[in-house]
Amino acid sequence: MFNNKLNRSKFYWRVNHDIRANTLRVIGEDGKQIGIMSLSEALAHANETNLDLIEVVPTANPPVAKIMDFGKFRYQEEKKQKQEAKKQKGGDLKEIRFSPFIAQGDYNTRMERVKEFLTEGDKVKLVVVFKGRQLGSKQFGYELLGKINGELKDRIAVDMEPKFLGRHLVMIISPVKKVKKEIKEVVANKAEEKTEDVEDKKEKQK
């Protein structure tokens, strides 16, 4: 359980005996509503399960409180806030490095990572690293980035065209909204396929 003696000035939520409302609408750890009860009754419920009572919607009438571990609750809320901030900023900038003469297997592995970052809403900095005499074959770097661009096609927007920065050929890409739509469609299709498979198995068993 959360230690009430800790300095909680940096926390947004009132916890346990810091809750000021006399009456609360209480939700259990499973998300199901327990009911409207007094603060003392709600605290007793929380104590029975060795969990905390957290005021989650203080402006409601009556205020809404949830019974769960405060550390877990705070972690989940901070994670949500980071994700929201990430959406507002347009995602993080991730970097994937290639060599101009990369083997197909390594190329496939890196492309999987690129696609993962794009589906998560992140921008990706593609870097082709040239070593030694490889700088004499710059065209292979441009061809490689052209291949990546062609493979991703309308899934991306090019924020920075291929440009040499020292020995590195750099291109920055970002996902377009269509990517997220495609992901939802893929998930939905997979769910339908699983349902059909289950139904087929049931039919065969009959």
C-alpha atoms as a PDB file:
ATOM      1  CA  MET A   1       0.000   0.000   0.000  1.00  0.00           C
ATOM      2  CA  PHE A   2       0.970   3.592  -0.532  1.00  0.00           C
ATOM      3  CA  ASN A   3       2.762   5.260   2.379  1.00  0.00           C
ATOM      4  CA  ASN A   4       0.701   8.262   3.492  1.00  0.00           C
ATOM      5  CA  LYS A   5       3.729   9.762   5.236  1.00  0.00           C
ATOM      6  CA  LEU A   6       5.456  10.431   1.902  1.00  0.00           C
ATOM      7  CA  ASN A   7       5.494  13.979   0.609  1.00  0.00           C
ATOM      8  CA  ARG A   8       2.733  13.878  -2.000  1.00  0.00           C
ATOM      9  CA  SER A   9       2.892  17.510  -3.149  1.00  0.00           C
ATOM     10  CA  LYS A  10       4.172  16.422  -6.563  1.00  0.00           C
ATOM     11  CA  PHE A  11       1.268  14.014  -7.137  1.00  0.00           C
ATOM     12  CA  TYR A  12      -1.992  15.054  -8.743  1.00  0.00           C
ATOM     13  CA  TRP A  13      -4.242  12.477  -7.077  1.00  0.00           C
ATOM     14  CA  ARG A  14      -5.490  12.355  -3.510  1.00  0.00           C
ATOM     15  CA  VAL A  15      -4.864   8.963  -1.955  1.00  0.00           C
ATOM     16  CA  ASN A  16      -6.365   7.173   1.065  1.00  0.00           C
ATOM     17  CA  HIS A  17      -6.820   9.519   4.062  1.00  0.00           C
ATOM     18  CA  ASP A  18      -5.945  12.591   1.987  1.00  0.00           C
ATOM     19  CA  ILE A  19      -9.290  12.273   0.200  1.00  0.00           C
ATOM     20  CA  ARG A  20     -11.571  15.044   1.470  1.00  0.00           C
ATOM     21  CA  ALA A  21     -14.955  13.942   0.125  1.00  0.00           C
ATOM     22  CA  ASN A  22     -17.265  12.251   2.629  1.00  0.00           C
ATOM     23  CA  THR A  23     -19.072  10.222  -0.026  1.00  0.00           C
ATOM     24  CA  LEU A  24     -17.523   8.452  -3.028  1.00  0.00           C
ATOM     25  CA  ARG A  25     -18.499   6.389  -6.024  1.00  0.00           C
ATOM     26  CA  VAL A  26     -16.068   3.485  -5.754  1.00  0.00           C
ATOM     27  CA  ILE A  27     -14.659   1.349  -8.570  1.00  0.00           C
ATOM     28  CA  GLY A  28     -12.808  -1.904  -7.952  1.00  0.00           C
ATOM     29  CA  GLU A  29      -9.423  -2.900  -9.331  1.00  0.00           C
ATOM     30  CA  ASP A  30     -11.196  -4.888 -12.083  1.00  0.00           C
ATOM     31  CA  GLY A  31     -12.886  -1.690 -13.306  1.00  0.00           C
ATOM     32  CA  LYS A  32     -16.337  -2.710 -12.069  1.00  0.00           C
ATOM     33  CA  GLN A  33     -18.373  -0.308  -9.956  1.00  0.00           C
ATOM     34  CA  ILE A  34     -18.714  -1.313  -6.308  1.00  0.00           C
ATOM     35  CA  GLY A  35     -21.169   1.440  -5.435  1.00  0.00           C
ATOM     36  CA  ILE A  36     -21.622   4.720  -3.579  1.00  0.00           C
ATOM     37  CA  MET A  37     -20.343   4.656  -0.023  1.00  0.00           C
ATOM     38  CA  SER A  38     -18.798   6.759   2.704  1.00  0.00           C
ATOM     39  CA  LEU A  39     -15.064   7.491   2.768  1.00  0.00           C
ATOM     40  CA  SER A  40     -14.607   5.244   5.799  1.00  0.00           C
ATOM     41  CA  GLU A  41     -16.370   2.332   4.069  1.00  0.00           C
ATOM     42  CA  ALA A  42     -14.290   2.821   0.912  1.00  0.00           C
ATOM     43  CA  LEU A  43     -11.085   2.864   2.938  1.00  0.00           C
ATOM     44  CA  ALA A  44     -12.163  -0.332   4.687  1.00  0.00           C
ATOM     45  CA  HIS A  45     -12.698  -2.007   1.283  1.00  0.00           C
ATOM     46  CA  ALA A  46      -9.223  -0.913   0.180  1.00  0.00           C
ATOM     47  CA  ASN A  47      -7.627  -2.143   3.411  1.00  0.00           C
ATOM     48  CA  GLU A  48      -9.292  -5.545   3.047  1.00  0.00           C
ATOM     49  CA  THR A  49      -7.464  -6.107  -0.233  1.00  0.00           C
ATOM     50  CA  ASN A  50      -4.259  -4.375   0.920  1.00  0.00           C
ATOM     51  CA  LEU A  51      -4.666  -1.769  -1.827  1.00  0.00           C
ATOM     52  CA  ASP A  52      -5.051   2.014  -2.007  1.00  0.00           C
ATOM     53  CA  LEU A  53      -8.062   4.247  -2.461  1.00  0.00           C
ATOM     54  CA  ILE A  54      -7.322   6.770  -5.207  1.00  0.00           C
ATOM     55  CA  GLU A  55      -9.562   9.713  -6.075  1.00  0.00           C
ATOM     56  CA  VAL A  56      -9.577   9.611  -9.896  1.00  0.00           C
ATOM     57  CA  VAL A  57     -12.421  12.038 -10.764  1.00  0.00           C
ATOM     58  CA  PRO A  58     -12.636  14.657  -8.008  1.00  0.00           C
ATOM     59  CA  THR A  59     -15.031  16.885  -9.991  1.00  0.00           C
ATOM     60  CA  ALA A  60     -17.781  14.244 -10.269  1.00  0.00           C
ATOM     61  CA  ASN A  61     -20.781  14.215  -7.943  1.00  0.00           C
ATOM     62  CA  PRO A  62     -19.985  12.255  -5.894  1.00  0.00           C
ATOM     63  CA  PRO A  63     -16.237  12.065  -6.634  1.00  0.00           C
ATOM     64  CA  VAL A  64     -15.046   8.799  -8.185  1.00  0.00           C
ATOM     65  CA  ALA A  65     -12.377   6.753  -6.424  1.00  0.00           C
ATOM     66  CA  LYS A  66     -10.653   3.571  -7.533  1.00  0.00           C
ATOM     67  CA  ILE A  67      -9.262   0.779  -5.400  1.00  0.00           C
ATOM     68  CA  MET A  68      -5.868  -0.390  -6.673  1.00  0.00           C
ATOM     69  CA  ASP A  69      -2.155  -0.212  -5.955  1.00  0.00           C
ATOM     70  CA  PHE A  70      -1.105   3.440  -6.206  1.00  0.00           C
ATOM     71  CA  GLY A  71       2.320   2.616  -7.657  1.00  0.00           C
ATOM     72  CA  LYS A  72       0.701   0.639 -10.472  1.00  0.00           C
ATOM     73  CA  PHE A  73      -1.901   3.365 -11.024  1.00  0.00           C
ATOM     74  CA  ARG A  74       0.705   6.125 -11.206  1.00  0.00           C
ATOM     75  CA  TYR A  75       2.822   4.098 -13.645  1.00  0.00           C
ATOM     76  CA  GLN A  76      -0.184   3.587 -15.945  1.00  0.00           C
ATOM     77  CA  GLU A  77      -1.164   7.263 -15.810  1.00  0.00           C
ATOM     78  CA  GLU A  78       2.383   8.478 -16.488  1.00  0.00           C
ATOM     79  CA  LYS A  79       2.588   6.088 -19.427  1.00  0.00           C
ATOM     80  CA  LYS A  80      -0.661   7.512 -20.838  1.00  0.00           C
ATOM     81  CA  GLN A  81       0.630  11.064 -20.436  1.00  0.00           C
ATOM     82  CA  LYS A  82       3.868  10.205 -22.252  1.00  0.00           C
ATOM     83  CA  GLN A  83       1.911   8.635 -25.100  1.00  0.00           C
ATOM     84  CA  GLU A  84      -0.314  11.717 -25.386  1.00  0.00           C
ATOM     85  CA  ALA A  85       2.706  14.010 -25.376  1.00  0.00           C
ATOM     86  CA  LYS A  86       4.301  11.821 -28.015  1.00  0.00           C
ATOM     87  CA  LYS A  87       1.219  12.156 -30.248  1.00  0.00           C
ATOM     88  CA  GLN A  88       1.229  15.931 -29.874  1.00  0.00           C
ATOM     89  CA  LYS A  89       4.922  16.153 -30.776  1.00  0.00           C
ATOM     90  CA  GLY A  90       4.379  13.902 -33.785  1.00  0.00           C
ATOM     91  CA  GLY A  91       6.420  10.981 -32.475  1.00  0.00           C
ATOM     92  CA  ASP A  92      10.056  10.408 -31.601  1.00  0.00           C
ATOM     93  CA  LEU A  93      12.891  10.379 -34.117  1.00  0.00           C
ATOM     94  CA  LYS A  94      14.367   6.883 -34.419  1.00  0.00           C
ATOM     95  CA  GLU A  95      17.522   6.026 -36.331  1.00  0.00           C
ATOM     96  CA  ILE A  96      18.262   2.967 -38.452  1.00  0.00           C
ATOM     97  CA  ARG A  97      21.661   2.500 -40.077  1.00  0.00           C
ATOM     98  CA  PHE A  98      22.475   0.695 -43.296  1.00  0.00           C
ATOM     99  CA  SER A  99      25.656   0.012 -45.214  1.00  0.00           C
ATOM    100  CA  PRO A 100      25.634   0.772 -48.961  1.00  0.00           C
ATOM    101  CA  PHE A 101      26.289  -2.906 -49.741  1.00  0.00           C
ATOM    102  CA  ILE A 102      24.017  -4.430 -47.077  1.00  0.00           C
ATOM    103  CA  ALA A 103      23.115  -8.109 -47.369  1.00  0.00           C
ATOM    104  CA  GLN A 104      19.476  -8.929 -48.082  1.00  0.00           C
ATOM    105  CA  GLY A 105      18.942 -10.626 -44.725  1.00  0.00           C
ATOM    106  CA  ASP A 106      20.275  -7.631 -42.780  1.00  0.00           C
ATOM    107  CA  TYR A 107      18.255  -5.306 -44.995  1.00  0.00           C
ATOM    108  CA  ASN A 108      15.045  -7.222 -44.234  1.00  0.00           C
ATOM    109  CA  THR A 109      15.744  -7.102 -40.489  1.00  0.00           C
ATOM    110  CA  ARG A 110      16.306  -3.350 -40.522  1.00  0.00           C
ATOM    111  CA  MET A 111      13.240  -2.760 -42.644  1.00  0.00           C
ATOM    112  CA  GLU A 112      11.123  -4.616 -40.108  1.00  0.00           C
ATOM    113  CA  ARG A 113      12.371  -2.188 -37.452  1.00  0.00           C
ATOM    114  CA  VAL A 114      11.635   0.774 -39.729  1.00  0.00           C
ATOM    115  CA  LYS A 115       8.066  -0.429 -40.231  1.00  0.00           C
ATOM    116  CA  GLU A 116       7.614  -1.002 -36.489  1.00  0.00           C
ATOM    117  CA  PHE A 117       8.695   2.558 -35.724  1.00  0.00           C
ATOM    118  CA  LEU A 118       6.367   3.950 -38.386  1.00  0.00           C
ATOM    119  CA  THR A 119       3.383   2.008 -37.054  1.00  0.00           C
ATOM    120  CA  GLU A 120       4.119   3.409 -33.598  1.00  0.00           C
ATOM    121  CA  GLY A 121       3.893   6.915 -35.050  1.00  0.00           C
ATOM    122  CA  ASP A 122       7.618   7.657 -34.935  1.00  0.00           C
ATOM    123  CA  LYS A 123       9.712   9.426 -37.540  1.00  0.00           C
ATOM    124  CA  VAL A 124      12.683   7.447 -38.829  1.00  0.00           C
ATOM    125  CA  LYS A 125      16.123   8.730 -39.742  1.00  0.00           C
ATOM    126  CA  LEU A 126      17.599   6.418 -42.367  1.00  0.00           C
ATOM    127  CA  VAL A 127      21.387   6.575 -42.397  1.00  0.00           C
ATOM    128  CA  VAL A 128      23.616   4.929 -45.002  1.00  0.00           C
ATOM    129  CA  VAL A 129      27.113   4.755 -43.510  1.00  0.00           C
ATOM    130  CA  PHE A 130      30.069   4.851 -45.914  1.00  0.00           C
ATOM    131  CA  LYS A 131      33.498   3.611 -44.856  1.00  0.00           C
ATOM    132  CA  GLY A 132      36.848   4.210 -46.556  1.00  0.00           C
ATOM    133  CA  ARG A 133      36.725   3.768 -50.296  1.00  0.00           C
ATOM    134  CA  GLN A 134      32.964   3.194 -50.244  1.00  0.00           C
ATOM    135  CA  LEU A 135      32.594   6.967 -50.637  1.00  0.00           C
ATOM    136  CA  GLY A 136      33.562   6.434 -54.242  1.00  0.00           C
ATOM    137  CA  SER A 137      30.295   4.539 -54.719  1.00  0.00           C
ATOM    138  CA  LYS A 138      27.803   7.095 -53.444  1.00  0.00           C
ATOM    139  CA  GLN A 139      25.245   6.050 -56.046  1.00  0.00           C
ATOM    140  CA  PHE A 140      24.665   2.781 -54.163  1.00  0.00           C
ATOM    141  CA  GLY A 141      23.536   4.790 -51.145  1.00  0.00           C
ATOM    142  CA  TYR A 142      21.029   6.752 -53.198  1.00  0.00           C
ATOM    143  CA  GLU A 143      19.811   3.543 -54.826  1.00  0.00           C
ATOM    144  CA  LEU A 144      19.333   1.938 -51.411  1.00  0.00           C
ATOM    145  CA  LEU A 145      17.265   4.847 -50.079  1.00  0.00           C
ATOM    146  CA  GLY A 146      15.320   4.855 -53.333  1.00  0.00           C
ATOM    147  CA  LYS A 147      14.577   1.160 -52.816  1.00  0.00           C
ATOM    148  CA  ILE A 148      13.341   1.836 -49.265  1.00  0.00           C
ATOM    149  CA  ASN A 149      11.222   4.737 -50.467  1.00  0.00           C
ATOM    150  CA  GLY A 150       9.708   2.561 -53.179  1.00  0.00           C
ATOM    151  CA  GLU A 151       9.007  -0.284 -50.764  1.00  0.00           C
ATOM    152  CA  LEU A 152       7.163   1.953 -48.313  1.00  0.00           C
ATOM    153  CA  LYS A 153       5.498   4.008 -51.068  1.00  0.00           C
ATOM    154  CA  ASP A 154       2.404   5.926 -49.882  1.00  0.00           C
ATOM    155  CA  ARG A 155       2.875   4.757 -46.271  1.00  0.00           C
ATOM    156  CA  ILE A 156       5.375   7.560 -45.630  1.00  0.00           C
ATOM    157  CA  ALA A 157       6.127  11.218 -46.141  1.00  0.00           C
ATOM    158  CA  VAL A 158       9.716  12.266 -46.825  1.00  0.00           C
ATOM    159  CA  ASP A 159      10.602  15.009 -44.343  1.00  0.00           C
ATOM    160  CA  MET A 160      14.195  15.326 -45.561  1.00  0.00           C
ATOM    161  CA  GLU A 161      15.407  14.247 -48.985  1.00  0.00           C
ATOM    162  CA  PRO A 162      18.631  12.165 -49.137  1.00  0.00           C
ATOM    163  CA  LYS A 163      21.533  14.380 -48.130  1.00  0.00           C
ATOM    164  CA  PHE A 164      25.192  13.711 -47.354  1.00  0.00           C
ATOM    165  CA  LEU A 165      26.343  14.723 -43.874  1.00  0.00           C
ATOM    166  CA  GLY A 166      30.016  13.827 -43.807  1.00  0.00           C
ATOM    167  CA  ARG A 167      30.285  10.103 -44.550  1.00  0.00           C
ATOM    168  CA  HIS A 168      26.589   9.547 -43.890  1.00  0.00           C
ATOM    169  CA  LEU A 169      23.782   9.732 -46.442  1.00  0.00           C
ATOM    170  CA  VAL A 170      20.673  10.689 -44.489  1.00  0.00           C
ATOM    171  CA  MET A 171      16.948  10.674 -45.239  1.00  0.00           C
ATOM    172  CA  ILE A 172      14.150  11.316 -42.729  1.00  0.00           C
ATOM    173  CA  ILE A 173      10.696   9.815 -43.183  1.00  0.00           C
ATOM    174  CA  SER A 174       7.487   9.962 -41.162  1.00  0.00           C
ATOM    175  CA  PRO A 175       4.280   7.895 -41.201  1.00  0.00           C
ATOM    176  CA  VAL A 176       1.085   9.083 -42.829  1.00  0.00           C
ATOM    177  CA  LYS A 177      -2.370   8.511 -41.366  1.00  0.00           C
ATOM    178  CA  LYS A 178      -3.006   5.698 -43.805  1.00  0.00           C
ATOM    179  CA  VAL A 179      -0.501   3.522 -41.939  1.00  0.00           C
ATOM    180  CA  LYS A 180      -2.586   3.520 -38.775  1.00  0.00           C
ATOM    181  CA  LYS A 181      -5.689   2.737 -40.810  1.00  0.00           C
ATOM    182  CA  GLU A 182      -3.951  -0.202 -42.468  1.00  0.00           C
ATOM    183  CA  ILE A 183      -2.844  -1.556 -39.077  1.00  0.00           C
ATOM    184  CA  LYS A 184      -6.425  -1.523 -37.802  1.00  0.00           C
ATOM    185  CA  GLU A 185      -7.565  -3.320 -40.943  1.00  0.00           C
ATOM    186  CA  VAL A 186      -4.857  -5.978 -40.551  1.00  0.00           C
ATOM    187  CA  VAL A 187      -5.798  -6.541 -36.901  1.00  0.00           C
ATOM    188  CA  ALA A 188      -9.481  -6.783 -37.823  1.00  0.00           C
ATOM    189  CA  ASN A 189      -8.735  -9.243 -40.633  1.00  0.00           C
ATOM    190  CA  LYS A 190      -6.623 -11.417 -38.345  1.00  0.00           C
ATOM    191  CA  ALA A 191      -9.431 -11.447 -35.758  1.00  0.00           C
ATOM    192  CA  GLU A 192     -11.900 -12.521 -38.457  1.00  0.00           C
ATOM    193  CA  GLU A 193      -9.539 -15.255 -39.643  1.00  0.00           C
ATOM    194  CA  LYS A 194      -9.172 -16.615 -36.117  1.00  0.00           C
ATOM    195  CA  THR A 195     -12.950 -16.628 -35.664  1.00  0.00           C
ATOM    196  CA  GLU A 196     -13.406 -18.481 -38.953  1.00  0.00           C
ATOM    197  CA  ASP A 197     -10.743 -21.032 -37.980  1.00  0.00           C
ATOM    198  CA  VAL A 198     -12.497 -21.714 -34.666  1.00  0.00           C
ATOM    199  CA  GLU A 199     -15.837 -22.122 -36.423  1.00  0.00           C
ATOM    200  CA  ASP A 200     -14.309 -24.481 -38.988  1.00  0.00           C
ATOM    201  CA  LYS A 201     -12.806 -26.619 -36.233  1.00  0.00           C
ATOM    202  CA  LYS A 202     -16.189 -26.798 -34.480  1.00  0.00           C
ATOM    203  CA  GLU A 203     -17.858 -27.887 -37.709  1.00  0.00           C
ATOM    204  CA  LYS A 204     -15.250 -30.619 -38.249  1.00  0.00           C
ATOM    205  CA  GLN A 205     -15.695 -31.881 -34.674  1.00  0.00           C
ATOM    206  CA  LYS A 206     -19.422 -32.264 -35.320  1.00  0.00           C
END
